[in-house]
Amino acid sequence: AFCPASLPSSTILTAFAPRRSTSLCASIRDIDHLMPEHEGFPIEVSFEGMTCKFNVRPNESILSALERTGAGDALCLPTIPHECRKGACLTCTGKHAPGSSASNLTNDNALTQSTSIDVQNAGFVLICSSFVLGEGVKLELGQNSEAWDEIHHKRFATEEAQLLGRAATAYTMRLAAERNVENWKKQTSEVIKWTPNEEDFPFQ
């Protein structure tokens, strides 16, 4: 991604490069805050080793603040990953970094209550629907793949989920049979008439 040598004068952030060597954004850049400190709260956001700080205004989502301040340029991230802007798709997911004040965040996402609790308990933050209430919030962006794996994939990989899946399949088959009783009778009759032989069970 292209990282400009200078940021727009309207950008409100302090950005610094990681200690590891990199061909992009290798120099430290300090940009004065144009917004009064009492207007909103500072937040620290990182992405693949790059870090920047900026203020998030009251009732402003973290995503909106990132877009307003141009902080994505400091992170060498011209486009902030997002889709729904309602806190439902997990595309914009970030995660609390060590030492982050999780209690200084609130959210208004569109997830079910149980899924929303799972997201919070795992330390994930949907930046399109999260708002800063105080200082000390530190986030690592680009966690959508990890969030999908943790919240959705692993949930359906459990033994309990597989049992529920089989039960749902059996229920669906029963409903289909009840809607077409004659077809169900025919299929059942064919199963009863079927006599297995040794060729049907070659591994016995």
N, C-alpha and C. Protein backbone atom coordinates (compact mmCIF):
# COMPACT_ATOMS: atom_id res chain seq x y z
N ALA A 1 0.84 -1.18 0.00
CA ALA A 1 0.00 0.00 0.00
C ALA A 1 0.87 1.23 0.00
N PHE A 2 0.45 2.30 -0.68
CA PHE A 2 1.23 3.51 -0.75
C PHE A 2 1.05 4.33 0.50
N CYS A 3 2.14 4.82 1.05
CA CYS A 3 2.07 5.62 2.26
C CYS A 3 2.69 6.98 1.98
N PRO A 4 1.92 8.07 1.95
CA PRO A 4 2.44 9.37 1.60
C PRO A 4 3.44 9.88 2.60
N ALA A 5 4.33 10.73 2.15
CA ALA A 5 5.35 11.28 3.04
C ALA A 5 4.76 12.28 4.01
N SER A 6 3.66 12.88 3.63
CA SER A 6 3.02 13.84 4.54
C SER A 6 1.53 13.61 4.52
N LEU A 7 0.87 13.99 5.60
CA LEU A 7 -0.56 13.80 5.72
C LEU A 7 -1.27 15.15 5.57
N PRO A 8 -2.56 15.15 5.24
CA PRO A 8 -3.32 16.40 5.12
C PRO A 8 -3.28 17.18 6.43
N SER A 9 -3.36 18.51 6.31
CA SER A 9 -3.30 19.34 7.51
C SER A 9 -4.47 19.11 8.43
N SER A 10 -5.58 18.55 7.90
CA SER A 10 -6.75 18.30 8.73
C SER A 10 -6.61 17.04 9.56
N THR A 11 -5.57 16.26 9.31
CA THR A 11 -5.40 15.01 10.03
C THR A 11 -5.03 15.28 11.48
N ILE A 12 -5.68 14.59 12.38
CA ILE A 12 -5.46 14.79 13.80
C ILE A 12 -4.92 13.50 14.37
N LEU A 13 -3.65 13.34 14.38
CA LEU A 13 -3.08 12.10 14.89
C LEU A 13 -1.60 12.25 15.14
N THR A 14 -1.04 11.33 15.88
CA THR A 14 0.40 11.23 16.04
C THR A 14 0.76 9.83 15.63
N ALA A 15 1.60 9.66 14.62
CA ALA A 15 1.91 8.34 14.09
C ALA A 15 3.39 8.08 14.25
N PHE A 16 3.73 6.83 14.51
CA PHE A 16 5.13 6.47 14.56
C PHE A 16 5.32 5.09 14.00
N ALA A 17 6.49 4.87 13.40
CA ALA A 17 6.78 3.61 12.72
C ALA A 17 7.29 2.59 13.71
N PRO A 18 7.17 1.29 13.39
CA PRO A 18 7.68 0.24 14.26
C PRO A 18 9.20 0.23 14.23
N ARG A 19 9.81 -0.43 15.19
CA ARG A 19 11.26 -0.50 15.24
C ARG A 19 11.84 -1.41 14.18
N ARG A 20 11.02 -2.36 13.70
CA ARG A 20 11.52 -3.25 12.66
C ARG A 20 11.73 -2.44 11.39
N SER A 21 12.67 -2.87 10.56
CA SER A 21 12.95 -2.16 9.32
C SER A 21 11.81 -2.36 8.35
N THR A 22 11.48 -1.33 7.60
CA THR A 22 10.41 -1.42 6.62
C THR A 22 10.66 -0.40 5.54
N SER A 23 10.25 -0.72 4.33
CA SER A 23 10.45 0.19 3.21
C SER A 23 9.34 1.23 3.14
N LEU A 24 8.26 1.02 3.91
CA LEU A 24 7.16 1.94 3.90
C LEU A 24 7.01 2.61 5.26
N CYS A 25 6.75 3.89 5.26
CA CYS A 25 6.48 4.61 6.49
C CYS A 25 7.58 4.40 7.51
N ALA A 26 8.83 4.50 7.11
CA ALA A 26 9.93 4.18 8.00
C ALA A 26 10.28 5.31 8.94
N SER A 27 9.84 6.52 8.65
CA SER A 27 10.20 7.65 9.48
C SER A 27 9.11 7.99 10.47
N ILE A 28 9.53 8.61 11.59
CA ILE A 28 8.57 9.02 12.62
C ILE A 28 7.94 10.34 12.19
N ARG A 29 6.63 10.43 12.31
CA ARG A 29 5.93 11.65 11.96
C ARG A 29 5.12 12.12 13.16
N ASP A 30 5.29 13.38 13.54
CA ASP A 30 4.52 13.96 14.64
C ASP A 30 3.66 15.08 14.06
N ILE A 31 2.38 14.96 14.26
CA ILE A 31 1.45 15.95 13.72
C ILE A 31 0.65 16.53 14.87
N ASP A 32 0.62 17.87 14.97
CA ASP A 32 -0.08 18.53 16.06
C ASP A 32 -1.56 18.22 16.02
N HIS A 33 -2.15 18.04 17.20
CA HIS A 33 -3.59 17.85 17.30
C HIS A 33 -4.28 19.18 17.06
N LEU A 34 -5.21 19.21 16.11
CA LEU A 34 -5.95 20.43 15.83
C LEU A 34 -7.23 20.52 16.65
N MET A 35 -7.68 19.39 17.18
CA MET A 35 -8.91 19.37 17.95
C MET A 35 -8.60 19.55 19.43
N PRO A 36 -9.34 20.38 20.15
CA PRO A 36 -9.11 20.54 21.58
C PRO A 36 -9.17 19.21 22.29
N GLU A 37 -8.32 19.02 23.30
CA GLU A 37 -8.25 17.73 23.97
C GLU A 37 -9.53 17.38 24.69
N HIS A 38 -10.32 18.41 25.08
CA HIS A 38 -11.55 18.11 25.81
C HIS A 38 -12.64 17.58 24.88
N GLU A 39 -12.41 17.68 23.55
CA GLU A 39 -13.40 17.21 22.60
C GLU A 39 -13.09 15.77 22.20
N GLY A 40 -13.68 14.84 22.94
CA GLY A 40 -13.44 13.43 22.66
C GLY A 40 -12.30 12.86 23.49
N PHE A 41 -11.94 11.62 23.17
CA PHE A 41 -10.90 10.92 23.92
C PHE A 41 -9.86 10.33 22.96
N PRO A 42 -8.60 10.30 23.39
CA PRO A 42 -7.55 9.73 22.53
C PRO A 42 -7.64 8.22 22.48
N ILE A 43 -7.28 7.66 21.34
CA ILE A 43 -7.27 6.22 21.16
C ILE A 43 -6.01 5.85 20.37
N GLU A 44 -5.46 4.68 20.65
CA GLU A 44 -4.27 4.20 19.93
C GLU A 44 -4.67 3.00 19.09
N VAL A 45 -4.37 3.07 17.81
CA VAL A 45 -4.75 2.01 16.88
C VAL A 45 -3.52 1.52 16.13
N SER A 46 -3.40 0.20 15.97
CA SER A 46 -2.25 -0.40 15.29
C SER A 46 -2.71 -1.31 14.17
N PHE A 47 -1.82 -1.47 13.19
CA PHE A 47 -2.08 -2.41 12.09
C PHE A 47 -0.74 -2.87 11.53
N GLU A 48 -0.46 -4.15 11.67
CA GLU A 48 0.76 -4.77 11.15
C GLU A 48 2.02 -3.99 11.53
N GLY A 49 2.10 -3.62 12.79
CA GLY A 49 3.30 -2.97 13.29
C GLY A 49 3.28 -1.45 13.26
N MET A 50 2.37 -0.85 12.49
CA MET A 50 2.24 0.60 12.45
C MET A 50 1.23 1.04 13.50
N THR A 51 1.48 2.18 14.13
CA THR A 51 0.62 2.67 15.20
C THR A 51 0.33 4.15 15.03
N CYS A 52 -0.88 4.58 15.34
CA CYS A 52 -1.21 6.01 15.33
C CYS A 52 -2.18 6.32 16.46
N LYS A 53 -2.21 7.58 16.84
CA LYS A 53 -3.10 8.05 17.90
C LYS A 53 -3.94 9.20 17.37
N PHE A 54 -5.21 9.23 17.77
CA PHE A 54 -6.09 10.31 17.36
C PHE A 54 -7.25 10.38 18.34
N ASN A 55 -8.01 11.46 18.28
CA ASN A 55 -9.16 11.63 19.17
C ASN A 55 -10.44 11.16 18.49
N VAL A 56 -11.29 10.53 19.28
CA VAL A 56 -12.61 10.11 18.81
C VAL A 56 -13.64 10.99 19.51
N ARG A 57 -14.46 11.66 18.73
CA ARG A 57 -15.45 12.59 19.29
C ARG A 57 -16.61 11.86 19.96
N PRO A 58 -17.35 12.55 20.83
CA PRO A 58 -18.54 11.95 21.44
C PRO A 58 -19.53 11.50 20.38
N ASN A 59 -20.11 10.34 20.55
CA ASN A 59 -21.11 9.78 19.63
C ASN A 59 -20.56 9.55 18.22
N GLU A 60 -19.24 9.42 18.11
CA GLU A 60 -18.61 9.12 16.83
C GLU A 60 -18.01 7.72 16.90
N SER A 61 -18.31 6.90 15.92
CA SER A 61 -17.74 5.55 15.94
C SER A 61 -16.24 5.63 15.65
N ILE A 62 -15.52 4.60 16.07
CA ILE A 62 -14.08 4.56 15.83
C ILE A 62 -13.79 4.56 14.33
N LEU A 63 -14.60 3.84 13.56
CA LEU A 63 -14.43 3.81 12.10
C LEU A 63 -14.58 5.21 11.52
N SER A 64 -15.61 5.94 11.95
CA SER A 64 -15.83 7.29 11.43
C SER A 64 -14.66 8.21 11.79
N ALA A 65 -14.11 8.04 13.00
CA ALA A 65 -12.97 8.85 13.43
C ALA A 65 -11.74 8.54 12.59
N LEU A 66 -11.54 7.25 12.28
CA LEU A 66 -10.43 6.85 11.42
C LEU A 66 -10.54 7.51 10.05
N GLU A 67 -11.75 7.52 9.51
CA GLU A 67 -11.97 8.12 8.20
C GLU A 67 -11.82 9.64 8.25
N ARG A 68 -12.34 10.24 9.30
CA ARG A 68 -12.28 11.71 9.43
C ARG A 68 -10.86 12.22 9.57
N THR A 69 -10.06 11.55 10.38
CA THR A 69 -8.71 12.02 10.66
C THR A 69 -7.69 11.59 9.61
N GLY A 70 -8.04 10.65 8.77
CA GLY A 70 -7.07 10.15 7.79
C GLY A 70 -6.03 9.26 8.43
N ALA A 71 -6.36 8.68 9.58
CA ALA A 71 -5.40 7.84 10.30
C ALA A 71 -4.98 6.62 9.50
N GLY A 72 -5.84 6.18 8.58
CA GLY A 72 -5.48 5.03 7.76
C GLY A 72 -4.20 5.24 6.97
N ASP A 73 -3.94 6.50 6.56
CA ASP A 73 -2.71 6.79 5.83
C ASP A 73 -1.50 6.56 6.71
N ALA A 74 -1.60 6.93 7.99
CA ALA A 74 -0.48 6.73 8.91
C ALA A 74 -0.22 5.25 9.17
N LEU A 75 -1.26 4.44 8.99
CA LEU A 75 -1.13 3.00 9.17
C LEU A 75 -0.78 2.29 7.87
N CYS A 76 -0.56 3.08 6.80
CA CYS A 76 -0.36 2.50 5.47
C CYS A 76 -1.55 1.63 5.10
N LEU A 77 -2.75 2.10 5.47
CA LEU A 77 -3.99 1.37 5.22
C LEU A 77 -4.99 2.35 4.60
N PRO A 78 -4.86 2.63 3.29
CA PRO A 78 -5.72 3.63 2.64
C PRO A 78 -7.21 3.35 2.78
N THR A 79 -7.58 2.08 2.79
CA THR A 79 -8.99 1.70 2.93
C THR A 79 -9.18 0.90 4.22
N ILE A 80 -9.97 1.43 5.13
CA ILE A 80 -10.25 0.72 6.38
C ILE A 80 -11.27 -0.38 6.08
N PRO A 81 -10.96 -1.65 6.38
CA PRO A 81 -11.90 -2.74 6.09
C PRO A 81 -13.24 -2.53 6.79
N HIS A 82 -14.33 -2.52 6.03
CA HIS A 82 -15.67 -2.42 6.60
C HIS A 82 -16.68 -2.75 5.50
N GLU A 83 -17.91 -3.09 5.90
CA GLU A 83 -18.96 -3.39 4.94
C GLU A 83 -20.30 -2.80 5.39
N CYS A 84 -20.86 -3.35 6.48
CA CYS A 84 -22.24 -3.03 6.84
C CYS A 84 -22.41 -1.72 7.60
N ARG A 85 -21.38 -1.32 8.36
CA ARG A 85 -21.42 -0.14 9.23
C ARG A 85 -22.52 -0.24 10.29
N LYS A 86 -22.94 -1.46 10.60
CA LYS A 86 -23.97 -1.68 11.62
C LYS A 86 -23.50 -2.64 12.71
N GLY A 87 -22.28 -3.13 12.59
CA GLY A 87 -21.79 -4.08 13.58
C GLY A 87 -22.39 -5.46 13.42
N ALA A 88 -22.49 -5.93 12.19
CA ALA A 88 -23.10 -7.24 11.95
C ALA A 88 -22.21 -8.18 11.17
N CYS A 89 -21.36 -7.66 10.27
CA CYS A 89 -20.63 -8.53 9.34
C CYS A 89 -19.24 -8.93 9.81
N LEU A 90 -18.72 -8.30 10.85
CA LEU A 90 -17.39 -8.58 11.43
C LEU A 90 -16.22 -8.15 10.54
N THR A 91 -16.50 -7.50 9.40
CA THR A 91 -15.42 -7.10 8.50
C THR A 91 -14.47 -6.10 9.13
N CYS A 92 -14.99 -5.21 9.96
CA CYS A 92 -14.18 -4.14 10.54
C CYS A 92 -13.55 -4.53 11.88
N THR A 93 -13.60 -5.78 12.24
CA THR A 93 -13.19 -6.21 13.58
C THR A 93 -11.75 -5.86 13.93
N GLY A 94 -11.60 -5.26 15.10
CA GLY A 94 -10.30 -5.05 15.72
C GLY A 94 -10.26 -5.84 17.01
N LYS A 95 -9.18 -5.72 17.75
CA LYS A 95 -9.07 -6.44 19.01
C LYS A 95 -8.29 -5.60 20.02
N HIS A 96 -8.69 -5.72 21.28
CA HIS A 96 -7.99 -4.97 22.33
C HIS A 96 -6.53 -5.42 22.39
N ALA A 97 -5.64 -4.44 22.38
CA ALA A 97 -4.21 -4.72 22.53
C ALA A 97 -3.91 -4.82 24.03
N PRO A 98 -2.78 -5.42 24.41
CA PRO A 98 -2.42 -5.51 25.83
C PRO A 98 -2.43 -4.13 26.48
N GLY A 99 -3.07 -4.06 27.64
CA GLY A 99 -3.13 -2.80 28.38
C GLY A 99 -4.28 -1.89 27.98
N SER A 100 -5.12 -2.33 27.05
CA SER A 100 -6.25 -1.51 26.60
C SER A 100 -7.33 -1.44 27.68
N SER A 101 -7.94 -0.27 27.81
CA SER A 101 -9.04 -0.08 28.76
C SER A 101 -10.36 -0.46 28.10
N ALA A 102 -10.68 -1.74 28.15
CA ALA A 102 -11.89 -2.24 27.49
C ALA A 102 -13.15 -1.61 28.06
N SER A 103 -13.13 -1.23 29.33
CA SER A 103 -14.32 -0.66 29.96
C SER A 103 -14.64 0.73 29.43
N ASN A 104 -13.70 1.34 28.71
CA ASN A 104 -13.93 2.68 28.15
C ASN A 104 -14.47 2.63 26.73
N LEU A 105 -15.02 1.48 26.36
CA LEU A 105 -15.68 1.33 25.07
C LEU A 105 -17.12 0.90 25.27
N THR A 106 -18.00 1.39 24.42
CA THR A 106 -19.37 0.89 24.38
C THR A 106 -19.70 0.59 22.92
N ASN A 107 -20.71 -0.25 22.70
CA ASN A 107 -21.04 -0.62 21.32
C ASN A 107 -22.54 -0.65 21.11
N ASP A 108 -22.92 -0.56 19.86
CA ASP A 108 -24.32 -0.60 19.47
C ASP A 108 -24.43 -1.42 18.19
N ASN A 109 -24.04 -2.71 18.31
CA ASN A 109 -23.99 -3.55 17.11
C ASN A 109 -25.32 -4.23 16.82
N ALA A 110 -25.39 -4.89 15.66
CA ALA A 110 -26.61 -5.55 15.22
C ALA A 110 -26.56 -7.06 15.41
N LEU A 111 -25.63 -7.55 16.20
CA LEU A 111 -25.52 -8.98 16.46
C LEU A 111 -26.57 -9.43 17.46
N THR A 112 -26.82 -10.73 17.51
CA THR A 112 -27.68 -11.26 18.56
C THR A 112 -26.99 -11.04 19.90
N GLN A 113 -27.75 -11.07 20.96
CA GLN A 113 -27.18 -10.79 22.28
C GLN A 113 -26.07 -11.79 22.63
N SER A 114 -26.30 -13.07 22.35
CA SER A 114 -25.31 -14.09 22.70
C SER A 114 -24.02 -13.92 21.89
N THR A 115 -24.18 -13.62 20.59
CA THR A 115 -23.00 -13.42 19.75
C THR A 115 -22.24 -12.17 20.15
N SER A 116 -22.98 -11.12 20.50
CA SER A 116 -22.35 -9.88 20.95
C SER A 116 -21.52 -10.11 22.20
N ILE A 117 -22.05 -10.91 23.11
CA ILE A 117 -21.32 -11.24 24.35
C ILE A 117 -20.07 -12.04 24.03
N ASP A 118 -20.19 -12.99 23.09
CA ASP A 118 -19.02 -13.79 22.68
C ASP A 118 -17.93 -12.89 22.08
N VAL A 119 -18.34 -11.92 21.27
CA VAL A 119 -17.39 -11.00 20.65
C VAL A 119 -16.64 -10.21 21.72
N GLN A 120 -17.38 -9.69 22.70
CA GLN A 120 -16.76 -8.91 23.76
C GLN A 120 -15.85 -9.76 24.63
N ASN A 121 -16.31 -10.94 24.97
CA ASN A 121 -15.51 -11.82 25.83
C ASN A 121 -14.20 -12.23 25.16
N ALA A 122 -14.21 -12.31 23.84
CA ALA A 122 -13.00 -12.68 23.09
C ALA A 122 -12.07 -11.49 22.88
N GLY A 123 -12.50 -10.30 23.31
CA GLY A 123 -11.67 -9.11 23.17
C GLY A 123 -11.79 -8.41 21.84
N PHE A 124 -12.74 -8.84 21.00
CA PHE A 124 -12.91 -8.22 19.68
C PHE A 124 -13.71 -6.93 19.79
N VAL A 125 -13.48 -6.03 18.84
CA VAL A 125 -14.17 -4.74 18.81
C VAL A 125 -14.63 -4.46 17.38
N LEU A 126 -15.91 -4.24 17.19
CA LEU A 126 -16.44 -3.88 15.88
C LEU A 126 -16.38 -2.36 15.77
N ILE A 127 -15.36 -1.86 15.07
CA ILE A 127 -15.08 -0.42 15.13
C ILE A 127 -16.15 0.43 14.46
N CYS A 128 -16.99 -0.16 13.61
CA CYS A 128 -18.04 0.64 12.97
C CYS A 128 -19.18 0.96 13.91
N SER A 129 -19.27 0.24 15.03
CA SER A 129 -20.38 0.44 15.96
C SER A 129 -19.89 0.55 17.41
N SER A 130 -18.62 0.93 17.58
CA SER A 130 -18.06 1.08 18.92
C SER A 130 -17.68 2.54 19.17
N PHE A 131 -17.90 2.99 20.40
CA PHE A 131 -17.71 4.38 20.77
C PHE A 131 -16.82 4.47 22.01
N VAL A 132 -15.96 5.49 22.04
CA VAL A 132 -14.99 5.63 23.12
C VAL A 132 -15.57 6.49 24.24
N LEU A 133 -15.46 6.00 25.47
CA LEU A 133 -16.00 6.70 26.64
C LEU A 133 -14.90 7.27 27.54
N GLY A 134 -13.65 6.91 27.29
CA GLY A 134 -12.56 7.37 28.14
C GLY A 134 -11.21 7.07 27.52
N GLU A 135 -10.18 7.39 28.24
CA GLU A 135 -8.83 7.21 27.73
C GLU A 135 -8.33 5.78 27.91
N GLY A 136 -7.25 5.45 27.22
CA GLY A 136 -6.59 4.17 27.43
C GLY A 136 -6.98 3.05 26.49
N VAL A 137 -7.82 3.34 25.48
CA VAL A 137 -8.23 2.29 24.55
C VAL A 137 -7.13 2.08 23.50
N LYS A 138 -6.72 0.83 23.33
CA LYS A 138 -5.69 0.46 22.36
C LYS A 138 -6.20 -0.72 21.53
N LEU A 139 -6.22 -0.56 20.23
CA LEU A 139 -6.77 -1.60 19.36
C LEU A 139 -5.79 -2.02 18.28
N GLU A 140 -5.90 -3.29 17.90
CA GLU A 140 -5.17 -3.83 16.75
C GLU A 140 -6.20 -4.14 15.67
N LEU A 141 -6.07 -3.50 14.52
CA LEU A 141 -7.03 -3.70 13.44
C LEU A 141 -6.70 -4.97 12.65
N GLY A 142 -7.61 -5.30 11.70
CA GLY A 142 -7.37 -6.44 10.81
C GLY A 142 -7.58 -7.79 11.46
N GLN A 143 -8.58 -7.88 12.34
CA GLN A 143 -8.82 -9.14 13.06
C GLN A 143 -10.07 -9.87 12.58
N ASN A 144 -10.57 -9.52 11.39
CA ASN A 144 -11.83 -10.12 10.95
C ASN A 144 -11.75 -11.62 10.72
N SER A 145 -10.63 -12.11 10.17
CA SER A 145 -10.50 -13.56 9.94
C SER A 145 -10.48 -14.32 11.26
N GLU A 146 -9.74 -13.79 12.22
CA GLU A 146 -9.68 -14.44 13.53
C GLU A 146 -11.05 -14.41 14.21
N ALA A 147 -11.77 -13.30 14.03
CA ALA A 147 -13.10 -13.19 14.64
C ALA A 147 -14.07 -14.20 14.04
N TRP A 148 -14.05 -14.34 12.71
CA TRP A 148 -14.93 -15.31 12.06
C TRP A 148 -14.64 -16.72 12.55
N ASP A 149 -13.36 -17.04 12.67
CA ASP A 149 -12.98 -18.38 13.11
C ASP A 149 -13.42 -18.62 14.54
N GLU A 150 -13.22 -17.63 15.39
CA GLU A 150 -13.53 -17.77 16.81
C GLU A 150 -15.03 -17.76 17.08
N ILE A 151 -15.74 -16.85 16.43
CA ILE A 151 -17.16 -16.65 16.74
C ILE A 151 -18.08 -17.61 15.98
N HIS A 152 -17.75 -17.92 14.74
CA HIS A 152 -18.66 -18.74 13.92
C HIS A 152 -18.14 -20.15 13.66
N HIS A 153 -16.94 -20.27 13.10
CA HIS A 153 -16.45 -21.59 12.70
C HIS A 153 -16.30 -22.53 13.90
N LYS A 154 -15.64 -22.08 14.95
CA LYS A 154 -15.42 -22.95 16.11
C LYS A 154 -16.73 -23.30 16.81
N ARG A 155 -17.68 -22.38 16.74
CA ARG A 155 -18.97 -22.64 17.38
C ARG A 155 -19.66 -23.85 16.75
N PHE A 156 -19.59 -23.96 15.42
CA PHE A 156 -20.25 -25.06 14.72
C PHE A 156 -19.40 -26.32 14.68
N ALA A 157 -18.17 -26.23 15.14
CA ALA A 157 -17.29 -27.39 15.14
C ALA A 157 -17.39 -28.19 16.44
N THR A 158 -18.13 -27.70 17.42
CA THR A 158 -18.25 -28.40 18.70
C THR A 158 -19.17 -29.61 18.56
N GLU A 159 -19.03 -30.57 19.47
CA GLU A 159 -19.87 -31.77 19.45
C GLU A 159 -21.34 -31.41 19.63
N GLU A 160 -21.60 -30.45 20.51
CA GLU A 160 -22.98 -30.03 20.76
C GLU A 160 -23.61 -29.46 19.49
N ALA A 161 -22.85 -28.65 18.76
CA ALA A 161 -23.36 -28.06 17.53
C ALA A 161 -23.64 -29.12 16.48
N GLN A 162 -22.78 -30.14 16.40
CA GLN A 162 -22.97 -31.21 15.43
C GLN A 162 -24.21 -32.04 15.76
N LEU A 163 -24.45 -32.27 17.05
CA LEU A 163 -25.66 -32.98 17.47
C LEU A 163 -26.90 -32.19 17.11
N LEU A 164 -26.84 -30.87 17.33
CA LEU A 164 -27.98 -30.02 16.98
C LEU A 164 -28.20 -30.04 15.46
N GLY A 165 -27.11 -30.08 14.70
CA GLY A 165 -27.22 -30.13 13.25
C GLY A 165 -27.90 -31.40 12.78
N ARG A 166 -27.52 -32.52 13.37
CA ARG A 166 -28.14 -33.80 12.99
C ARG A 166 -29.61 -33.82 13.39
N ALA A 167 -29.92 -33.25 14.53
CA ALA A 167 -31.32 -33.20 14.98
C ALA A 167 -32.14 -32.33 14.03
N ALA A 168 -31.56 -31.22 13.60
CA ALA A 168 -32.26 -30.34 12.66
C ALA A 168 -32.49 -31.03 11.32
N THR A 169 -31.51 -31.81 10.87
CA THR A 169 -31.66 -32.55 9.61
C THR A 169 -32.78 -33.58 9.71
N ALA A 170 -32.81 -34.31 10.84
CA ALA A 170 -33.86 -35.31 11.04
C ALA A 170 -35.24 -34.66 11.09
N TYR A 171 -35.32 -33.50 11.74
CA TYR A 171 -36.59 -32.78 11.84
C TYR A 171 -37.06 -32.32 10.47
N THR A 172 -36.13 -31.84 9.66
CA THR A 172 -36.47 -31.38 8.31
C THR A 172 -36.96 -32.54 7.45
N MET A 173 -36.31 -33.70 7.58
CA MET A 173 -36.73 -34.88 6.82
C MET A 173 -38.12 -35.34 7.24
N ARG A 174 -38.40 -35.24 8.53
CA ARG A 174 -39.72 -35.64 9.01
C ARG A 174 -40.81 -34.72 8.48
N LEU A 175 -40.52 -33.41 8.47
CA LEU A 175 -41.50 -32.46 7.93
C LEU A 175 -41.76 -32.73 6.45
N ALA A 176 -40.69 -33.04 5.71
CA ALA A 176 -40.86 -33.35 4.28
C ALA A 176 -41.71 -34.59 4.08
N ALA A 177 -41.52 -35.60 4.94
CA ALA A 177 -42.30 -36.84 4.84
C ALA A 177 -43.76 -36.59 5.17
N GLU A 178 -44.01 -35.71 6.16
CA GLU A 178 -45.40 -35.43 6.55
C GLU A 178 -46.14 -34.68 5.45
N ARG A 179 -45.41 -33.93 4.64
CA ARG A 179 -46.05 -33.17 3.56
C ARG A 179 -46.36 -34.07 2.36
N ASN A 180 -45.67 -35.21 2.27
CA ASN A 180 -45.90 -36.12 1.15
C ASN A 180 -45.90 -37.55 1.69
N VAL A 181 -47.00 -37.90 2.32
CA VAL A 181 -47.10 -39.19 3.00
C VAL A 181 -46.97 -40.35 2.02
N GLU A 182 -47.59 -40.24 0.85
CA GLU A 182 -47.56 -41.32 -0.13
C GLU A 182 -46.13 -41.61 -0.59
N ASN A 183 -45.37 -40.55 -0.83
CA ASN A 183 -43.98 -40.73 -1.25
C ASN A 183 -43.16 -41.36 -0.13
N TRP A 184 -43.46 -40.95 1.13
CA TRP A 184 -42.75 -41.52 2.28
C TRP A 184 -43.06 -43.01 2.41
N LYS A 185 -44.32 -43.41 2.20
CA LYS A 185 -44.71 -44.83 2.27
C LYS A 185 -43.96 -45.64 1.21
N LYS A 186 -43.86 -45.07 0.01
CA LYS A 186 -43.19 -45.77 -1.07
C LYS A 186 -41.71 -45.99 -0.74
N GLN A 187 -41.04 -44.93 -0.26
CA GLN A 187 -39.63 -45.04 0.07
C GLN A 187 -39.39 -46.00 1.22
N THR A 188 -40.29 -45.96 2.21
CA THR A 188 -40.16 -46.86 3.36
C THR A 188 -40.34 -48.31 2.94
N SER A 189 -41.31 -48.56 2.04
CA SER A 189 -41.56 -49.91 1.54
C SER A 189 -40.35 -50.45 0.80
N GLU A 190 -39.69 -49.58 0.02
CA GLU A 190 -38.51 -50.02 -0.73
C GLU A 190 -37.36 -50.36 0.21
N VAL A 191 -37.24 -49.62 1.30
CA VAL A 191 -36.19 -49.90 2.28
C VAL A 191 -36.43 -51.23 2.97
N ILE A 192 -37.71 -51.50 3.32
CA ILE A 192 -38.05 -52.75 3.99
C ILE A 192 -37.80 -53.95 3.10
N LYS A 193 -38.10 -53.79 1.79
CA LYS A 193 -37.91 -54.89 0.85
C LYS A 193 -36.44 -55.18 0.56
N TRP A 194 -35.58 -54.17 0.75
CA TRP A 194 -34.17 -54.31 0.42
C TRP A 194 -33.49 -55.31 1.34
N THR A 195 -32.80 -56.27 0.76
CA THR A 195 -32.09 -57.28 1.53
C THR A 195 -30.60 -57.13 1.28
N PRO A 196 -29.83 -56.79 2.29
CA PRO A 196 -28.39 -56.57 2.09
C PRO A 196 -27.67 -57.88 1.81
N ASN A 197 -26.59 -57.80 1.06
CA ASN A 197 -25.75 -58.97 0.81
C ASN A 197 -24.30 -58.59 1.12
N GLU A 198 -23.42 -59.52 0.94
CA GLU A 198 -22.02 -59.29 1.32
C GLU A 198 -21.37 -58.19 0.49
N GLU A 199 -21.81 -58.01 -0.73
CA GLU A 199 -21.23 -56.97 -1.58
C GLU A 199 -21.53 -55.57 -1.06
N ASP A 200 -22.63 -55.45 -0.29
CA ASP A 200 -22.98 -54.15 0.26
C ASP A 200 -22.11 -53.76 1.45
N PHE A 201 -21.44 -54.74 2.05
CA PHE A 201 -20.61 -54.47 3.21
C PHE A 201 -19.25 -55.14 2.98
N PRO A 202 -18.44 -54.61 2.08
CA PRO A 202 -17.18 -55.26 1.73
C PRO A 202 -16.13 -55.26 2.85
N PHE A 203 -16.29 -54.42 3.85
CA PHE A 203 -15.28 -54.31 4.90
C PHE A 203 -15.62 -55.13 6.14
N GLN A 204 -16.71 -55.86 6.09
CA GLN A 204 -17.06 -56.69 7.27
C GLN A 204 -16.25 -57.98 7.27
